Amino acid sequence: GPLRSHFLDTAGAPDARCNAFLDPLAIAGLLA
């Protein structure tokens, strides 16, 4: 619900800093 869009805008964003350490596709898969 309410945190989904915030997650997409931060940790799920293309420019997320965690992408330097983690696979963005895996992060998107967890959320999906």
PDB file of all heavy atoms in Angstrom:
ATOM      1  N   GLY A   1       0.817  -1.208   0.000  1.00  0.00           N
ATOM      2  CA  GLY A   1       0.000   0.000   0.000  1.00  0.00           C
ATOM      3  C   GLY A   1       0.848   1.254   0.000  1.00  0.00           C
ATOM      4  O   GLY A   1       1.559   1.531  -0.971  1.00  0.00           O
ATOM      5  N   PRO A   2       0.817   2.005   1.118  1.00  0.00           N
ATOM      6  CA  PRO A   2       1.405   3.346   1.129  1.00  0.00           C
ATOM      7  C   PRO A   2       2.919   3.409   0.923  1.00  0.00           C
ATOM      8  O   PRO A   2       3.414   4.417   0.422  1.00  0.00           O
ATOM      9  CB  PRO A   2       1.018   3.908   2.498  1.00  0.00           C
ATOM     10  CG  PRO A   2       0.657   2.739   3.323  1.00  0.00           C
ATOM     11  CD  PRO A   2       0.169   1.675   2.383  1.00  0.00           C
ATOM     12  N   LEU A   3       3.669   2.377   1.281  1.00  0.00           N
ATOM     13  CA  LEU A   3       5.121   2.438   1.117  1.00  0.00           C
ATOM     14  C   LEU A   3       5.595   1.954  -0.255  1.00  0.00           C
ATOM     15  O   LEU A   3       6.757   2.125  -0.594  1.00  0.00           O
ATOM     16  CB  LEU A   3       5.828   1.601   2.200  1.00  0.00           C
ATOM     17  CG  LEU A   3       6.155   2.322   3.484  1.00  0.00           C
ATOM     18  CD1 LEU A   3       6.902   1.407   4.436  1.00  0.00           C
ATOM     19  CD2 LEU A   3       6.957   3.577   3.240  1.00  0.00           C
ATOM     20  N   ARG A   4       4.702   1.353  -1.021  1.00  0.00           N
ATOM     21  CA  ARG A   4       5.107   0.798  -2.318  1.00  0.00           C
ATOM     22  C   ARG A   4       5.665   1.878  -3.238  1.00  0.00           C
ATOM     23  O   ARG A   4       6.745   1.727  -3.813  1.00  0.00           O
ATOM     24  CB  ARG A   4       3.933   0.092  -2.987  1.00  0.00           C
ATOM     25  CG  ARG A   4       4.325  -0.650  -4.241  1.00  0.00           C
ATOM     26  CD  ARG A   4       3.141  -1.482  -4.774  1.00  0.00           C
ATOM     27  NE  ARG A   4       3.585  -2.384  -5.805  1.00  0.00           N
ATOM     28  CZ  ARG A   4       3.873  -2.028  -7.052  1.00  0.00           C
ATOM     29  NH1 ARG A   4       3.749  -0.765  -7.417  1.00  0.00           N
ATOM     30  NH2 ARG A   4       4.289  -2.908  -7.931  1.00  0.00           N
ATOM     31  N   SER A   5       4.954   2.977  -3.385  1.00  0.00           N
ATOM     32  CA  SER A   5       5.425   4.039  -4.286  1.00  0.00           C
ATOM     33  C   SER A   5       6.704   4.686  -3.752  1.00  0.00           C
ATOM     34  O   SER A   5       7.599   5.036  -4.526  1.00  0.00           O
ATOM     35  CB  SER A   5       4.341   5.082  -4.527  1.00  0.00           C
ATOM     36  OG  SER A   5       3.987   5.700  -3.328  1.00  0.00           O
ATOM     37  N   HIS A   6       6.811   4.829  -2.435  1.00  0.00           N
ATOM     38  CA  HIS A   6       8.034   5.390  -1.858  1.00  0.00           C
ATOM     39  C   HIS A   6       9.220   4.460  -2.125  1.00  0.00           C
ATOM     40  O   HIS A   6      10.313   4.922  -2.461  1.00  0.00           O
ATOM     41  CB  HIS A   6       7.855   5.624  -0.359  1.00  0.00           C
ATOM     42  CG  HIS A   6       9.082   6.151   0.305  1.00  0.00           C
ATOM     43  ND1 HIS A   6       9.611   7.389   0.001  1.00  0.00           N
ATOM     44  CD2 HIS A   6       9.906   5.597   1.231  1.00  0.00           C
ATOM     45  CE1 HIS A   6      10.700   7.586   0.723  1.00  0.00           C
ATOM     46  NE2 HIS A   6      10.900   6.510   1.469  1.00  0.00           N
ATOM     47  N   PHE A   7       8.993   3.157  -1.998  1.00  0.00           N
ATOM     48  CA  PHE A   7      10.056   2.194  -2.281  1.00  0.00           C
ATOM     49  C   PHE A   7      10.490   2.298  -3.742  1.00  0.00           C
ATOM     50  O   PHE A   7      11.688   2.318  -4.049  1.00  0.00           O
ATOM     51  CB  PHE A   7       9.582   0.767  -1.973  1.00  0.00           C
ATOM     52  CG  PHE A   7      10.662  -0.256  -2.121  1.00  0.00           C
ATOM     53  CD1 PHE A   7      11.495  -0.570  -1.059  1.00  0.00           C
ATOM     54  CD2 PHE A   7      10.864  -0.910  -3.329  1.00  0.00           C
ATOM     55  CE1 PHE A   7      12.509  -1.501  -1.199  1.00  0.00           C
ATOM     56  CE2 PHE A   7      11.865  -1.846  -3.483  1.00  0.00           C
ATOM     57  CZ  PHE A   7      12.690  -2.143  -2.414  1.00  0.00           C
ATOM     58  N   LEU A   8       9.518   2.371  -4.648  1.00  0.00           N
ATOM     59  CA  LEU A   8       9.838   2.481  -6.074  1.00  0.00           C
ATOM     60  C   LEU A   8      10.615   3.753  -6.385  1.00  0.00           C
ATOM     61  O   LEU A   8      11.496   3.753  -7.245  1.00  0.00           O
ATOM     62  CB  LEU A   8       8.555   2.435  -6.906  1.00  0.00           C
ATOM     63  CG  LEU A   8       7.874   1.075  -6.992  1.00  0.00           C
ATOM     64  CD1 LEU A   8       6.489   1.218  -7.608  1.00  0.00           C
ATOM     65  CD2 LEU A   8       8.727   0.097  -7.779  1.00  0.00           C
ATOM     66  N   ASP A   9      10.303   4.836  -5.675  1.00  0.00           N
ATOM     67  CA  ASP A   9      10.973   6.113  -5.903  1.00  0.00           C
ATOM     68  C   ASP A   9      12.362   6.183  -5.277  1.00  0.00           C
ATOM     69  O   ASP A   9      13.145   7.076  -5.623  1.00  0.00           O
ATOM     70  CB  ASP A   9      10.137   7.273  -5.361  1.00  0.00           C
ATOM     71  CG  ASP A   9       8.853   7.478  -6.133  1.00  0.00           C
ATOM     72  OD1 ASP A   9       8.759   6.998  -7.281  1.00  0.00           O
ATOM     73  OD2 ASP A   9       7.929   8.118  -5.580  1.00  0.00           O
ATOM     74  N   THR A  10      12.668   5.293  -4.354  1.00  0.00           N
ATOM     75  CA  THR A  10      13.964   5.344  -3.667  1.00  0.00           C
ATOM     76  C   THR A  10      14.789   4.101  -3.999  1.00  0.00           C
ATOM     77  O   THR A  10      15.617   4.122  -4.890  1.00  0.00           O
ATOM     78  CB  THR A  10      13.792   5.507  -2.154  1.00  0.00           C
ATOM     79  OG1 THR A  10      12.928   4.474  -1.667  1.00  0.00           O
ATOM     80  CG2 THR A  10      13.224   6.847  -1.782  1.00  0.00           C
ATOM     81  N   ALA A  11      14.561   3.011  -3.288  1.00  0.00           N
ATOM     82  CA  ALA A  11      15.360   1.793  -3.480  1.00  0.00           C
ATOM     83  C   ALA A  11      15.104   1.142  -4.834  1.00  0.00           C
ATOM     84  O   ALA A  11      15.960   0.429  -5.348  1.00  0.00           O
ATOM     85  CB  ALA A  11      15.085   0.797  -2.355  1.00  0.00           C
ATOM     86  N   GLY A  12      13.950   1.386  -5.432  1.00  0.00           N
ATOM     87  CA  GLY A  12      13.633   0.806  -6.733  1.00  0.00           C
ATOM     88  C   GLY A  12      13.915   1.721  -7.906  1.00  0.00           C
ATOM     89  O   GLY A  12      13.660   1.361  -9.054  1.00  0.00           O
ATOM     90  N   ALA A  13      14.444   2.893  -7.630  1.00  0.00           N
ATOM     91  CA  ALA A  13      14.706   3.870  -8.693  1.00  0.00           C
ATOM     92  C   ALA A  13      15.953   3.487  -9.492  1.00  0.00           C
ATOM     93  O   ALA A  13      16.864   2.853  -8.962  1.00  0.00           O
ATOM     94  CB  ALA A  13      14.893   5.257  -8.087  1.00  0.00           C
ATOM     95  N   PRO A  14      15.999   3.874 -10.757  1.00  0.00           N
ATOM     96  CA  PRO A  14      17.188   3.574 -11.570  1.00  0.00           C
ATOM     97  C   PRO A  14      18.478   4.162 -10.991  1.00  0.00           C
ATOM     98  O   PRO A  14      19.549   3.586 -11.163  1.00  0.00           O
ATOM     99  CB  PRO A  14      16.878   4.215 -12.928  1.00  0.00           C
ATOM    100  CG  PRO A  14      15.401   4.366 -12.954  1.00  0.00           C
ATOM    101  CD  PRO A  14      14.963   4.540 -11.524  1.00  0.00           C
ATOM    102  N   ASP A  15      18.377   5.290 -10.303  1.00  0.00           N
ATOM    103  CA  ASP A  15      19.568   5.918  -9.722  1.00  0.00           C
ATOM    104  C   ASP A  15      19.780   5.562  -8.252  1.00  0.00           C
ATOM    105  O   ASP A  15      20.550   6.221  -7.557  1.00  0.00           O
ATOM    106  CB  ASP A  15      19.494   7.438  -9.879  1.00  0.00           C
ATOM    107  CG  ASP A  15      18.348   8.051  -9.097  1.00  0.00           C
ATOM    108  OD1 ASP A  15      17.378   7.334  -8.771  1.00  0.00           O
ATOM    109  OD2 ASP A  15      18.420   9.266  -8.814  1.00  0.00           O
ATOM    110  N   ALA A  16      19.137   4.514  -7.771  1.00  0.00           N
ATOM    111  CA  ALA A  16      19.288   4.113  -6.368  1.00  0.00           C
ATOM    112  C   ALA A  16      20.746   3.773  -6.088  1.00  0.00           C
ATOM    113  O   ALA A  16      21.418   3.119  -6.888  1.00  0.00           O
ATOM    114  CB  ALA A  16      18.396   2.913  -6.063  1.00  0.00           C
ATOM    115  N   ARG A  17      21.229   4.227  -4.951  1.00  0.00           N
ATOM    116  CA  ARG A  17      22.623   3.988  -4.588  1.00  0.00           C
ATOM    117  C   ARG A  17      22.880   2.537  -4.235  1.00  0.00           C
ATOM    118  O   ARG A  17      23.996   2.053  -4.385  1.00  0.00           O
ATOM    119  CB  ARG A  17      23.019   4.916  -3.455  1.00  0.00           C
ATOM    120  CG  ARG A  17      22.967   6.370  -3.948  1.00  0.00           C
ATOM    121  CD  ARG A  17      23.612   7.378  -3.109  1.00  0.00           C
ATOM    122  NE  ARG A  17      24.990   7.107  -2.807  1.00  0.00           N
ATOM    123  CZ  ARG A  17      25.654   7.776  -1.864  1.00  0.00           C
ATOM    124  NH1 ARG A  17      25.048   8.713  -1.183  1.00  0.00           N
ATOM    125  NH2 ARG A  17      26.913   7.502  -1.610  1.00  0.00           N
ATOM    126  N   CYS A  18      21.842   1.822  -3.802  1.00  0.00           N
ATOM    127  CA  CYS A  18      22.034   0.406  -3.468  1.00  0.00           C
ATOM    128  C   CYS A  18      22.284  -0.435  -4.721  1.00  0.00           C
ATOM    129  O   CYS A  18      22.774  -1.565  -4.630  1.00  0.00           O
ATOM    130  CB  CYS A  18      20.869  -0.138  -2.645  1.00  0.00           C
ATOM    131  SG  CYS A  18      19.283  -0.131  -3.474  1.00  0.00           S
ATOM    132  N   ASN A  19      21.995   0.115  -5.908  1.00  0.00           N
ATOM    133  CA  ASN A  19      22.254  -0.600  -7.158  1.00  0.00           C
ATOM    134  C   ASN A  19      23.739  -0.862  -7.371  1.00  0.00           C
ATOM    135  O   ASN A  19      24.104  -1.738  -8.151  1.00  0.00           O
ATOM    136  CB  ASN A  19      21.682   0.155  -8.358  1.00  0.00           C
ATOM    137  CG  ASN A  19      20.171   0.144  -8.375  1.00  0.00           C
ATOM    138  OD1 ASN A  19      19.539  -0.623  -7.667  1.00  0.00           O
ATOM    139  ND2 ASN A  19      19.584   1.013  -9.181  1.00  0.00           N
ATOM    140  N   ALA A  20      24.602  -0.112  -6.694  1.00  0.00           N
ATOM    141  CA  ALA A  20      26.047  -0.341  -6.796  1.00  0.00           C
ATOM    142  C   ALA A  20      26.449  -1.642  -6.111  1.00  0.00           C
ATOM    143  O   ALA A  20      27.517  -2.191  -6.397  1.00  0.00           O
ATOM    144  CB  ALA A  20      26.811   0.832  -6.185  1.00  0.00           C
ATOM    145  N   PHE A  21      25.596  -2.130  -5.209  1.00  0.00           N
ATOM    146  CA  PHE A  21      25.918  -3.325  -4.428  1.00  0.00           C
ATOM    147  C   PHE A  21      24.987  -4.500  -4.708  1.00  0.00           C
ATOM    148  O   PHE A  21      25.347  -5.645  -4.473  1.00  0.00           O
ATOM    149  CB  PHE A  21      25.835  -3.008  -2.926  1.00  0.00           C
ATOM    150  CG  PHE A  21      26.636  -1.810  -2.532  1.00  0.00           C
ATOM    151  CD1 PHE A  21      26.019  -0.584  -2.316  1.00  0.00           C
ATOM    152  CD2 PHE A  21      28.007  -1.890  -2.393  1.00  0.00           C
ATOM    153  CE1 PHE A  21      26.754   0.530  -1.956  1.00  0.00           C
ATOM    154  CE2 PHE A  21      28.759  -0.780  -2.040  1.00  0.00           C
ATOM    155  CZ  PHE A  21      28.135   0.433  -1.822  1.00  0.00           C
ATOM    156  N   LEU A  22      23.771  -4.196  -5.155  1.00  0.00           N
ATOM    157  CA  LEU A  22      22.744  -5.223  -5.310  1.00  0.00           C
ATOM    158  C   LEU A  22      22.174  -5.204  -6.720  1.00  0.00           C
ATOM    159  O   LEU A  22      22.197  -4.173  -7.398  1.00  0.00           O
ATOM    160  CB  LEU A  22      21.622  -4.982  -4.294  1.00  0.00           C
ATOM    161  CG  LEU A  22      22.061  -4.927  -2.833  1.00  0.00           C
ATOM    162  CD1 LEU A  22      20.933  -4.408  -1.967  1.00  0.00           C
ATOM    163  CD2 LEU A  22      22.518  -6.290  -2.359  1.00  0.00           C
ATOM    164  N   ASP A  23      21.642  -6.321  -7.138  1.00  0.00           N
ATOM    165  CA  ASP A  23      21.056  -6.456  -8.467  1.00  0.00           C
ATOM    166  C   ASP A  23      19.685  -5.777  -8.503  1.00  0.00           C
ATOM    167  O   ASP A  23      18.763  -6.207  -7.812  1.00  0.00           O
ATOM    168  CB  ASP A  23      20.922  -7.939  -8.799  1.00  0.00           C
ATOM    169  CG  ASP A  23      20.312  -8.202 -10.159  1.00  0.00           C
ATOM    170  OD1 ASP A  23      20.082  -7.244 -10.915  1.00  0.00           O
ATOM    171  OD2 ASP A  23      20.069  -9.385 -10.458  1.00  0.00           O
ATOM    172  N   PRO A  24      19.532  -4.733  -9.302  1.00  0.00           N
ATOM    173  CA  PRO A  24      18.246  -4.028  -9.367  1.00  0.00           C
ATOM    174  C   PRO A  24      17.091  -4.933  -9.800  1.00  0.00           C
ATOM    175  O   PRO A  24      15.957  -4.753  -9.363  1.00  0.00           O
ATOM    176  CB  PRO A  24      18.470  -2.918 -10.382  1.00  0.00           C
ATOM    177  CG  PRO A  24      19.931  -2.821 -10.582  1.00  0.00           C
ATOM    178  CD  PRO A  24      20.546  -4.108 -10.143  1.00  0.00           C
ATOM    179  N   LEU A  25      17.372  -5.913 -10.657  1.00  0.00           N
ATOM    180  CA  LEU A  25      16.313  -6.838 -11.079  1.00  0.00           C
ATOM    181  C   LEU A  25      15.861  -7.721  -9.921  1.00  0.00           C
ATOM    182  O   LEU A  25      14.676  -8.052  -9.814  1.00  0.00           O
ATOM    183  CB  LEU A  25      16.788  -7.693 -12.256  1.00  0.00           C
ATOM    184  CG  LEU A  25      17.020  -6.933 -13.562  1.00  0.00           C
ATOM    185  CD1 LEU A  25      17.581  -7.864 -14.628  1.00  0.00           C
ATOM    186  CD2 LEU A  25      15.744  -6.277 -14.039  1.00  0.00           C
ATOM    187  N   ALA A  26      16.782  -8.094  -9.063  1.00  0.00           N
ATOM    188  CA  ALA A  26      16.415  -8.891  -7.889  1.00  0.00           C
ATOM    189  C   ALA A  26      15.565  -8.065  -6.929  1.00  0.00           C
ATOM    190  O   ALA A  26      14.594  -8.573  -6.354  1.00  0.00           O
ATOM    191  CB  ALA A  26      17.671  -9.399  -7.180  1.00  0.00           C
ATOM    192  N   ILE A  27      15.908  -6.797  -6.764  1.00  0.00           N
ATOM    193  CA  ILE A  27      15.122  -5.908  -5.908  1.00  0.00           C
ATOM    194  C   ILE A  27      13.714  -5.758  -6.468  1.00  0.00           C
ATOM    195  O   ILE A  27      12.719  -5.867  -5.742  1.00  0.00           O
ATOM    196  CB  ILE A  27      15.817  -4.533  -5.766  1.00  0.00           C
ATOM    197  CG1 ILE A  27      17.130  -4.697  -5.004  1.00  0.00           C
ATOM    198  CG2 ILE A  27      14.902  -3.530  -5.072  1.00  0.00           C
ATOM    199  CD1 ILE A  27      17.988  -3.452  -4.980  1.00  0.00           C
ATOM    200  N   ALA A  28      13.609  -5.539  -7.779  1.00  0.00           N
ATOM    201  CA  ALA A  28      12.295  -5.411  -8.418  1.00  0.00           C
ATOM    202  C   ALA A  28      11.501  -6.699  -8.283  1.00  0.00           C
ATOM    203  O   ALA A  28      10.284  -6.671  -8.076  1.00  0.00           O
ATOM    204  CB  ALA A  28      12.470  -5.036  -9.889  1.00  0.00           C
ATOM    205  N   GLY A  29      12.186  -7.838  -8.370  1.00  0.00           N
ATOM    206  CA  GLY A  29      11.524  -9.133  -8.218  1.00  0.00           C
ATOM    207  C   GLY A  29      10.972  -9.344  -6.822  1.00  0.00           C
ATOM    208  O   GLY A  29       9.864  -9.881  -6.662  1.00  0.00           O
ATOM    209  N   LEU A  30      11.725  -8.917  -5.811  1.00  0.00           N
ATOM    210  CA  LEU A  30      11.226  -9.014  -4.435  1.00  0.00           C
ATOM    211  C   LEU A  30       9.942  -8.211  -4.272  1.00  0.00           C
ATOM    212  O   LEU A  30       8.966  -8.693  -3.700  1.00  0.00           O
ATOM    213  CB  LEU A  30      12.269  -8.505  -3.441  1.00  0.00           C
ATOM    214  CG  LEU A  30      13.457  -9.396  -3.131  1.00  0.00           C
ATOM    215  CD1 LEU A  30      14.440  -8.662  -2.227  1.00  0.00           C
ATOM    216  CD2 LEU A  30      13.006 -10.683  -2.479  1.00  0.00           C
ATOM    217  N   LEU A  31       9.946  -6.974  -4.777  1.00  0.00           N
ATOM    218  CA  LEU A  31       8.765  -6.134  -4.653  1.00  0.00           C
ATOM    219  C   LEU A  31       7.595  -6.713  -5.444  1.00  0.00           C
ATOM    220  O   LEU A  31       6.462  -6.720  -4.960  1.00  0.00           O
ATOM    221  CB  LEU A  31       9.057  -4.699  -5.104  1.00  0.00           C
ATOM    222  CG  LEU A  31       7.903  -3.720  -4.930  1.00  0.00           C
ATOM    223  CD1 LEU A  31       7.520  -3.585  -3.456  1.00  0.00           C
ATOM    224  CD2 LEU A  31       8.254  -2.366  -5.510  1.00  0.00           C
ATOM    225  N   ALA A  32       7.866  -7.235  -6.636  1.00  0.00           N
ATOM    226  CA  ALA A  32       6.793  -7.811  -7.458  1.00  0.00           C
ATOM    227  C   ALA A  32       6.175  -9.036  -6.778  1.00  0.00           C
ATOM    228  O   ALA A  32       4.950  -9.169  -6.720  1.00  0.00           O
ATOM    229  CB  ALA A  32       7.331  -8.184  -8.837  1.00  0.00           C
TER     230      ALA A  32
END
